[in-house]
Amino acid sequence: MPWLLLGAITVVVLLAVGVIGFALMREGEVSAWRPSDSNRDPSLAIPGIVTGQYAGQQHVTAQQRVAYDRSPPFGGPHDAYWAACTGVVYPTPVRTENMVHSLEHGAVWIAYDPARVQGPGVQALAGRVQGQDYTMMSPYPGLDQPIALQSWGHELKVSDPNDPRIDQFIQSLRQNQYQYPEVGASCDALGPGYFDPDNPPPFDPSPPPPDAVTMDGRGAAAGNGG
């Protein structure tokens, strides 16, 4: 009996079974967080998820501030022009009102406290963003947790850049057609004069002024944009 040949065949079969089994296991993990008609918001199963209801298409001008109810916000009135969210990793903090508009288009925004997340941690987060459409990332000084993930109406705060819930959040909510107001809207920058991803408007850490637009849209000025 050709024992050597039999042993080689056995090894090949076992390897094939292992590879197929691993692939099926990974597919099952991804499917668990993939939105569908029967499970429109898989993120609700993520421990620590926070949700809220916000009206869309409430625009403010570039000179206006919004008195947001969360920090970072994940919905509400926002600038008439969205921040580019085509896998952009912003090196500096960006004006919040522009970032929120991108959430309305189906993007996921990863914000991090630059005082607590640095070096390898930033690289681990950036690896989930670069080259991924409808995803963006920026520093956000003063966060109450090291990392905050936002999509329209959803937020998750974590302390570890390698927390598996980060991927679960992204898989559940990035371009989840059931969860954001403007399905099909673009993440591309509109160009000079609108929002420049190479020179974005800066984040303003000061408290909103007395005439800031409220979360119900009072004081919002209808602007151009999408």
C-alpha atoms as a PDB file:
ATOM      1  CA  MET A   1       0.000   0.000   0.000  1.00  0.00           C
ATOM      2  CA  PRO A   2       1.452   3.433  -0.954  1.00  0.00           C
ATOM      3  CA  TRP A   3       1.440   4.818   2.577  1.00  0.00           C
ATOM      4  CA  LEU A   4       3.404   7.906   1.593  1.00  0.00           C
ATOM      5  CA  LEU A   5       0.880   8.821  -1.110  1.00  0.00           C
ATOM      6  CA  LEU A   6      -2.015   8.090   1.230  1.00  0.00           C
ATOM      7  CA  GLY A   7      -0.484  10.307   3.902  1.00  0.00           C
ATOM      8  CA  ALA A   8       0.037  13.149   1.444  1.00  0.00           C
ATOM      9  CA  ILE A   9      -3.569  12.910   0.270  1.00  0.00           C
ATOM     10  CA  THR A  10      -4.773  12.953   3.873  1.00  0.00           C
ATOM     11  CA  VAL A  11      -2.747  16.089   4.621  1.00  0.00           C
ATOM     12  CA  VAL A  12      -4.137  17.840   1.533  1.00  0.00           C
ATOM     13  CA  VAL A  13      -7.702  16.903   2.463  1.00  0.00           C
ATOM     14  CA  LEU A  14      -7.265  18.128   6.022  1.00  0.00           C
ATOM     15  CA  LEU A  15      -5.792  21.403   4.812  1.00  0.00           C
ATOM     16  CA  ALA A  16      -8.667  21.881   2.382  1.00  0.00           C
ATOM     17  CA  VAL A  17     -11.219  21.185   5.104  1.00  0.00           C
ATOM     18  CA  GLY A  18      -9.472  23.675   7.369  1.00  0.00           C
ATOM     19  CA  VAL A  19      -9.378  26.408   4.742  1.00  0.00           C
ATOM     20  CA  ILE A  20     -13.020  25.897   3.787  1.00  0.00           C
ATOM     21  CA  GLY A  21     -14.073  25.809   7.420  1.00  0.00           C
ATOM     22  CA  PHE A  22     -12.205  29.014   8.183  1.00  0.00           C
ATOM     23  CA  ALA A  23     -13.742  30.739   5.158  1.00  0.00           C
ATOM     24  CA  LEU A  24     -17.231  29.678   6.195  1.00  0.00           C
ATOM     25  CA  MET A  25     -16.593  30.857   9.733  1.00  0.00           C
ATOM     26  CA  ARG A  26     -15.418  34.278   8.486  1.00  0.00           C
ATOM     27  CA  GLU A  27     -18.403  34.559   6.161  1.00  0.00           C
ATOM     28  CA  GLY A  28     -20.693  33.800   9.085  1.00  0.00           C
ATOM     29  CA  GLU A  29     -19.030  36.486  11.173  1.00  0.00           C
ATOM     30  CA  VAL A  30     -19.444  39.083   8.422  1.00  0.00           C
ATOM     31  CA  SER A  31     -23.026  38.032   7.660  1.00  0.00           C
ATOM     32  CA  ALA A  32     -23.997  38.534  11.285  1.00  0.00           C
ATOM     33  CA  TRP A  33     -23.274  42.261  10.892  1.00  0.00           C
ATOM     34  CA  ARG A  34     -24.530  42.711   7.333  1.00  0.00           C
ATOM     35  CA  PRO A  35     -27.824  44.647   7.078  1.00  0.00           C
ATOM     36  CA  SER A  36     -30.753  42.936   5.409  1.00  0.00           C
ATOM     37  CA  ASP A  37     -34.521  43.300   5.090  1.00  0.00           C
ATOM     38  CA  SER A  38     -34.910  41.008   8.090  1.00  0.00           C
ATOM     39  CA  ASN A  39     -32.183  42.692  10.163  1.00  0.00           C
ATOM     40  CA  ARG A  40     -32.074  46.357   9.254  1.00  0.00           C
ATOM     41  CA  ASP A  41     -29.848  47.419  12.133  1.00  0.00           C
ATOM     42  CA  PRO A  42     -27.362  44.722  13.175  1.00  0.00           C
ATOM     43  CA  SER A  43     -25.511  47.300  15.276  1.00  0.00           C
ATOM     44  CA  LEU A  44     -28.177  47.049  17.969  1.00  0.00           C
ATOM     45  CA  ALA A  45     -26.467  43.820  19.057  1.00  0.00           C
ATOM     46  CA  ILE A  46     -23.152  45.612  19.673  1.00  0.00           C
ATOM     47  CA  PRO A  47     -22.534  46.165  23.404  1.00  0.00           C
ATOM     48  CA  GLY A  48     -22.298  49.886  24.156  1.00  0.00           C
ATOM     49  CA  ILE A  49     -24.096  51.136  21.043  1.00  0.00           C
ATOM     50  CA  VAL A  50     -25.994  54.418  21.471  1.00  0.00           C
ATOM     51  CA  THR A  51     -28.750  55.483  19.066  1.00  0.00           C
ATOM     52  CA  GLY A  52     -30.829  58.589  18.460  1.00  0.00           C
ATOM     53  CA  GLN A  53     -33.359  59.988  16.009  1.00  0.00           C
ATOM     54  CA  TYR A  54     -32.455  63.052  13.954  1.00  0.00           C
ATOM     55  CA  ALA A  55     -34.139  64.930  11.134  1.00  0.00           C
ATOM     56  CA  GLY A  56     -32.100  65.238   7.966  1.00  0.00           C
ATOM     57  CA  GLN A  57     -31.464  68.063   5.500  1.00  0.00           C
ATOM     58  CA  GLN A  58     -31.201  70.868   8.043  1.00  0.00           C
ATOM     59  CA  HIS A  59     -28.373  73.025   6.733  1.00  0.00           C
ATOM     60  CA  VAL A  60     -26.364  75.828   8.306  1.00  0.00           C
ATOM     61  CA  THR A  61     -23.958  78.284   6.716  1.00  0.00           C
ATOM     62  CA  ALA A  62     -20.189  78.187   7.064  1.00  0.00           C
ATOM     63  CA  GLN A  63     -20.439  80.963   9.660  1.00  0.00           C
ATOM     64  CA  GLN A  64     -22.985  79.207  11.881  1.00  0.00           C
ATOM     65  CA  ARG A  65     -22.412  76.828  14.775  1.00  0.00           C
ATOM     66  CA  VAL A  66     -24.739  74.077  15.982  1.00  0.00           C
ATOM     67  CA  ALA A  67     -25.417  73.424  19.656  1.00  0.00           C
ATOM     68  CA  TYR A  68     -25.022  69.669  19.359  1.00  0.00           C
ATOM     69  CA  ASP A  69     -26.425  67.321  21.992  1.00  0.00           C
ATOM     70  CA  ARG A  70     -23.517  64.866  21.815  1.00  0.00           C
ATOM     71  CA  SER A  71     -19.744  65.078  21.567  1.00  0.00           C
ATOM     72  CA  PRO A  72     -18.955  64.037  18.906  1.00  0.00           C
ATOM     73  CA  PRO A  73     -22.418  64.472  17.388  1.00  0.00           C
ATOM     74  CA  PHE A  74     -23.950  61.774  15.211  1.00  0.00           C
ATOM     75  CA  GLY A  75     -26.851  63.651  13.672  1.00  0.00           C
ATOM     76  CA  GLY A  76     -28.670  66.951  13.580  1.00  0.00           C
ATOM     77  CA  PRO A  77     -28.271  70.225  11.665  1.00  0.00           C
ATOM     78  CA  HIS A  78     -25.047  70.464   9.712  1.00  0.00           C
ATOM     79  CA  ASP A  79     -23.095  72.484   7.174  1.00  0.00           C
ATOM     80  CA  ALA A  80     -24.526  72.656   3.670  1.00  0.00           C
ATOM     81  CA  TYR A  81     -21.336  71.020   2.364  1.00  0.00           C
ATOM     82  CA  TRP A  82     -20.133  67.625   3.495  1.00  0.00           C
ATOM     83  CA  ALA A  83     -16.616  66.607   4.416  1.00  0.00           C
ATOM     84  CA  ALA A  84     -14.961  64.294   1.907  1.00  0.00           C
ATOM     85  CA  CYS A  85     -15.480  60.765   3.201  1.00  0.00           C
ATOM     86  CA  THR A  86     -13.732  58.697   0.540  1.00  0.00           C
ATOM     87  CA  GLY A  87     -11.389  56.912   2.928  1.00  0.00           C
ATOM     88  CA  VAL A  88      -9.852  60.187   4.091  1.00  0.00           C
ATOM     89  CA  VAL A  89      -7.667  60.229   7.214  1.00  0.00           C
ATOM     90  CA  TYR A  90      -7.582  63.868   8.281  1.00  0.00           C
ATOM     91  CA  PRO A  91      -4.375  64.748  10.145  1.00  0.00           C
ATOM     92  CA  THR A  92      -5.981  67.665  11.995  1.00  0.00           C
ATOM     93  CA  PRO A  93      -9.386  68.162  13.670  1.00  0.00           C
ATOM     94  CA  VAL A  94     -12.122  69.147  11.198  1.00  0.00           C
ATOM     95  CA  ARG A  95     -15.164  71.378  11.664  1.00  0.00           C
ATOM     96  CA  THR A  96     -17.868  69.226  13.191  1.00  0.00           C
ATOM     97  CA  GLU A  97     -20.738  70.631  11.121  1.00  0.00           C
ATOM     98  CA  ASN A  98     -19.101  69.369   7.915  1.00  0.00           C
ATOM     99  CA  MET A  99     -18.376  65.925   9.339  1.00  0.00           C
ATOM    100  CA  VAL A 100     -21.995  65.449  10.425  1.00  0.00           C
ATOM    101  CA  HIS A 101     -23.205  66.108   6.878  1.00  0.00           C
ATOM    102  CA  SER A 102     -21.100  63.164   5.693  1.00  0.00           C
ATOM    103  CA  LEU A 103     -22.911  60.918   8.165  1.00  0.00           C
ATOM    104  CA  GLU A 104     -26.158  61.923   6.463  1.00  0.00           C
ATOM    105  CA  HIS A 105     -24.682  60.448   3.266  1.00  0.00           C
ATOM    106  CA  GLY A 106     -24.063  57.059   4.884  1.00  0.00           C
ATOM    107  CA  ALA A 107     -20.478  57.500   6.057  1.00  0.00           C
ATOM    108  CA  VAL A 108     -18.827  56.206   9.222  1.00  0.00           C
ATOM    109  CA  TRP A 109     -16.628  58.694  11.080  1.00  0.00           C
ATOM    110  CA  ILE A 110     -13.876  57.461  13.393  1.00  0.00           C
ATOM    111  CA  ALA A 111     -12.835  60.168  15.851  1.00  0.00           C
ATOM    112  CA  TYR A 112     -10.023  59.774  18.351  1.00  0.00           C
ATOM    113  CA  ASP A 113      -8.469  61.766  21.171  1.00  0.00           C
ATOM    114  CA  PRO A 114      -4.937  62.605  19.966  1.00  0.00           C
ATOM    115  CA  ALA A 115      -3.750  62.860  23.577  1.00  0.00           C
ATOM    116  CA  ARG A 116      -4.615  59.198  24.226  1.00  0.00           C
ATOM    117  CA  VAL A 117      -4.385  57.476  20.841  1.00  0.00           C
ATOM    118  CA  GLN A 118      -1.044  57.813  19.093  1.00  0.00           C
ATOM    119  CA  GLY A 119       1.437  55.931  16.906  1.00  0.00           C
ATOM    120  CA  PRO A 120       0.367  52.277  16.427  1.00  0.00           C
ATOM    121  CA  GLY A 121      -3.137  53.036  17.690  1.00  0.00           C
ATOM    122  CA  VAL A 122      -3.686  55.709  15.051  1.00  0.00           C
ATOM    123  CA  GLN A 123      -2.254  53.378  12.401  1.00  0.00           C
ATOM    124  CA  ALA A 124      -4.622  50.583  13.439  1.00  0.00           C
ATOM    125  CA  LEU A 125      -7.600  52.902  13.054  1.00  0.00           C
ATOM    126  CA  ALA A 126      -6.338  54.404   9.797  1.00  0.00           C
ATOM    127  CA  GLY A 127      -6.029  50.908   8.339  1.00  0.00           C
ATOM    128  CA  ARG A 128      -9.805  50.594   8.576  1.00  0.00           C
ATOM    129  CA  VAL A 129     -10.338  53.869   6.719  1.00  0.00           C
ATOM    130  CA  GLN A 130      -7.758  54.274   3.972  1.00  0.00           C
ATOM    131  CA  GLY A 131      -9.084  53.134   0.624  1.00  0.00           C
ATOM    132  CA  GLN A 132     -12.567  52.567   2.043  1.00  0.00           C
ATOM    133  CA  ASP A 133     -15.293  54.731   0.546  1.00  0.00           C
ATOM    134  CA  TYR A 134     -17.877  56.229   2.921  1.00  0.00           C
ATOM    135  CA  THR A 135     -15.343  56.196   5.750  1.00  0.00           C
ATOM    136  CA  MET A 136     -13.367  59.038   7.335  1.00  0.00           C
ATOM    137  CA  MET A 137     -11.229  59.654  10.387  1.00  0.00           C
ATOM    138  CA  SER A 138     -10.015  62.685  12.296  1.00  0.00           C
ATOM    139  CA  PRO A 139      -8.581  63.738  15.663  1.00  0.00           C
ATOM    140  CA  TYR A 140     -11.178  65.080  18.099  1.00  0.00           C
ATOM    141  CA  PRO A 141      -9.554  66.704  21.141  1.00  0.00           C
ATOM    142  CA  GLY A 142     -11.283  66.360  24.498  1.00  0.00           C
ATOM    143  CA  LEU A 143     -13.149  63.099  23.893  1.00  0.00           C
ATOM    144  CA  ASP A 144     -14.438  61.430  27.067  1.00  0.00           C
ATOM    145  CA  GLN A 145     -13.217  58.095  25.632  1.00  0.00           C
ATOM    146  CA  PRO A 146     -10.136  57.486  23.481  1.00  0.00           C
ATOM    147  CA  ILE A 147     -12.156  56.536  20.373  1.00  0.00           C
ATOM    148  CA  ALA A 148     -15.657  57.366  19.142  1.00  0.00           C
ATOM    149  CA  LEU A 149     -17.359  55.944  16.049  1.00  0.00           C
ATOM    150  CA  GLN A 150     -20.287  57.776  14.481  1.00  0.00           C
ATOM    151  CA  SER A 151     -22.798  57.011  11.778  1.00  0.00           C
ATOM    152  CA  TRP A 152     -26.140  58.782  11.340  1.00  0.00           C
ATOM    153  CA  GLY A 153     -28.130  58.122  14.507  1.00  0.00           C
ATOM    154  CA  HIS A 154     -25.495  55.782  15.985  1.00  0.00           C
ATOM    155  CA  GLU A 155     -22.451  56.056  18.198  1.00  0.00           C
ATOM    156  CA  LEU A 156     -19.992  53.672  19.836  1.00  0.00           C
ATOM    157  CA  LYS A 157     -17.168  54.713  22.170  1.00  0.00           C
ATOM    158  CA  VAL A 158     -14.266  52.362  22.882  1.00  0.00           C
ATOM    159  CA  SER A 159     -10.838  52.555  24.470  1.00  0.00           C
ATOM    160  CA  ASP A 160      -8.854  50.014  22.415  1.00  0.00           C
ATOM    161  CA  PRO A 161      -8.017  50.575  18.709  1.00  0.00           C
ATOM    162  CA  ASN A 162      -8.155  46.787  18.250  1.00  0.00           C
ATOM    163  CA  ASP A 163     -11.602  46.373  19.810  1.00  0.00           C
ATOM    164  CA  PRO A 164     -13.570  43.980  17.523  1.00  0.00           C
ATOM    165  CA  ARG A 165     -16.666  46.143  17.968  1.00  0.00           C
ATOM    166  CA  ILE A 166     -15.068  48.735  15.672  1.00  0.00           C
ATOM    167  CA  ASP A 167     -15.326  46.368  12.698  1.00  0.00           C
ATOM    168  CA  GLN A 168     -18.811  45.303  13.744  1.00  0.00           C
ATOM    169  CA  PHE A 169     -19.920  48.951  13.777  1.00  0.00           C
ATOM    170  CA  ILE A 170     -18.463  49.615  10.332  1.00  0.00           C
ATOM    171  CA  GLN A 171     -19.940  46.455   8.801  1.00  0.00           C
ATOM    172  CA  SER A 172     -23.347  47.196  10.306  1.00  0.00           C
ATOM    173  CA  LEU A 173     -23.672  50.875   9.467  1.00  0.00           C
ATOM    174  CA  ARG A 174     -21.465  52.048   6.609  1.00  0.00           C
ATOM    175  CA  GLN A 175     -23.904  52.726   3.750  1.00  0.00           C
ATOM    176  CA  ASN A 176     -26.643  50.893   5.615  1.00  0.00           C
ATOM    177  CA  GLN A 177     -29.528  52.000   3.412  1.00  0.00           C
ATOM    178  CA  TYR A 178     -32.037  51.566   6.221  1.00  0.00           C
ATOM    179  CA  GLN A 179     -30.332  53.957   8.636  1.00  0.00           C
ATOM    180  CA  TYR A 180     -29.409  57.260   6.984  1.00  0.00           C
ATOM    181  CA  PRO A 181     -31.467  59.936   5.193  1.00  0.00           C
ATOM    182  CA  GLU A 182     -29.724  60.459   1.838  1.00  0.00           C
ATOM    183  CA  VAL A 183     -29.192  57.061   0.241  1.00  0.00           C
ATOM    184  CA  GLY A 184     -27.061  57.341  -2.880  1.00  0.00           C
ATOM    185  CA  ALA A 185     -25.496  60.689  -1.941  1.00  0.00           C
ATOM    186  CA  SER A 186     -21.827  61.163  -2.777  1.00  0.00           C
ATOM    187  CA  CYS A 187     -18.815  61.217  -0.477  1.00  0.00           C
ATOM    188  CA  ASP A 188     -16.593  63.021  -2.991  1.00  0.00           C
ATOM    189  CA  ALA A 189     -15.453  66.555  -2.207  1.00  0.00           C
ATOM    190  CA  LEU A 190     -17.248  69.172  -4.283  1.00  0.00           C
ATOM    191  CA  GLY A 191     -14.051  71.094  -4.983  1.00  0.00           C
ATOM    192  CA  PRO A 192     -12.557  74.513  -4.222  1.00  0.00           C
ATOM    193  CA  GLY A 193     -15.003  76.939  -2.687  1.00  0.00           C
ATOM    194  CA  TYR A 194     -17.047  74.191  -1.069  1.00  0.00           C
ATOM    195  CA  PHE A 195     -15.044  71.758   1.079  1.00  0.00           C
ATOM    196  CA  ASP A 196     -11.341  71.298   0.480  1.00  0.00           C
ATOM    197  CA  PRO A 197     -10.078  68.028   2.025  1.00  0.00           C
ATOM    198  CA  ASP A 198      -6.500  69.310   1.751  1.00  0.00           C
ATOM    199  CA  ASN A 199      -7.370  72.427   3.736  1.00  0.00           C
ATOM    200  CA  PRO A 200     -10.553  71.625   5.677  1.00  0.00           C
ATOM    201  CA  PRO A 201     -12.258  74.118   7.987  1.00  0.00           C
ATOM    202  CA  PRO A 202     -10.861  73.612  11.484  1.00  0.00           C
ATOM    203  CA  PHE A 203     -12.571  72.151  14.519  1.00  0.00           C
ATOM    204  CA  ASP A 204     -13.789  74.776  17.009  1.00  0.00           C
ATOM    205  CA  PRO A 205     -13.525  73.453  20.597  1.00  0.00           C
ATOM    206  CA  SER A 206     -15.173  76.499  22.187  1.00  0.00           C
ATOM    207  CA  PRO A 207     -18.740  76.307  23.529  1.00  0.00           C
ATOM    208  CA  PRO A 208     -21.371  77.211  20.924  1.00  0.00           C
ATOM    209  CA  PRO A 209     -22.454  80.878  21.064  1.00  0.00           C
ATOM    210  CA  PRO A 210     -25.923  81.991  22.212  1.00  0.00           C
ATOM    211  CA  ASP A 211     -27.112  82.272  18.605  1.00  0.00           C
ATOM    212  CA  ALA A 212     -26.058  78.723  17.700  1.00  0.00           C
ATOM    213  CA  VAL A 213     -28.526  76.625  15.726  1.00  0.00           C
ATOM    214  CA  THR A 214     -30.427  74.287  18.044  1.00  0.00           C
ATOM    215  CA  MET A 215     -30.925  70.581  17.506  1.00  0.00           C
ATOM    216  CA  ASP A 216     -34.479  71.093  16.307  1.00  0.00           C
ATOM    217  CA  GLY A 217     -33.143  73.258  13.480  1.00  0.00           C
ATOM    218  CA  ARG A 218     -34.165  76.652  14.815  1.00  0.00           C
ATOM    219  CA  GLY A 219     -31.901  79.262  13.281  1.00  0.00           C
ATOM    220  CA  ALA A 220     -30.782  77.021  10.433  1.00  0.00           C
ATOM    221  CA  ALA A 221     -30.273  78.763   7.114  1.00  0.00           C
ATOM    222  CA  ALA A 222     -31.133  76.771   4.033  1.00  0.00           C
ATOM    223  CA  GLY A 223     -27.968  76.410   2.008  1.00  0.00           C
ATOM    224  CA  ASN A 224     -26.787  74.689  -1.117  1.00  0.00           C
ATOM    225  CA  GLY A 225     -25.406  71.215  -0.921  1.00  0.00           C
ATOM    226  CA  GLY A 226     -26.828  67.735  -0.601  1.00  0.00           C
END
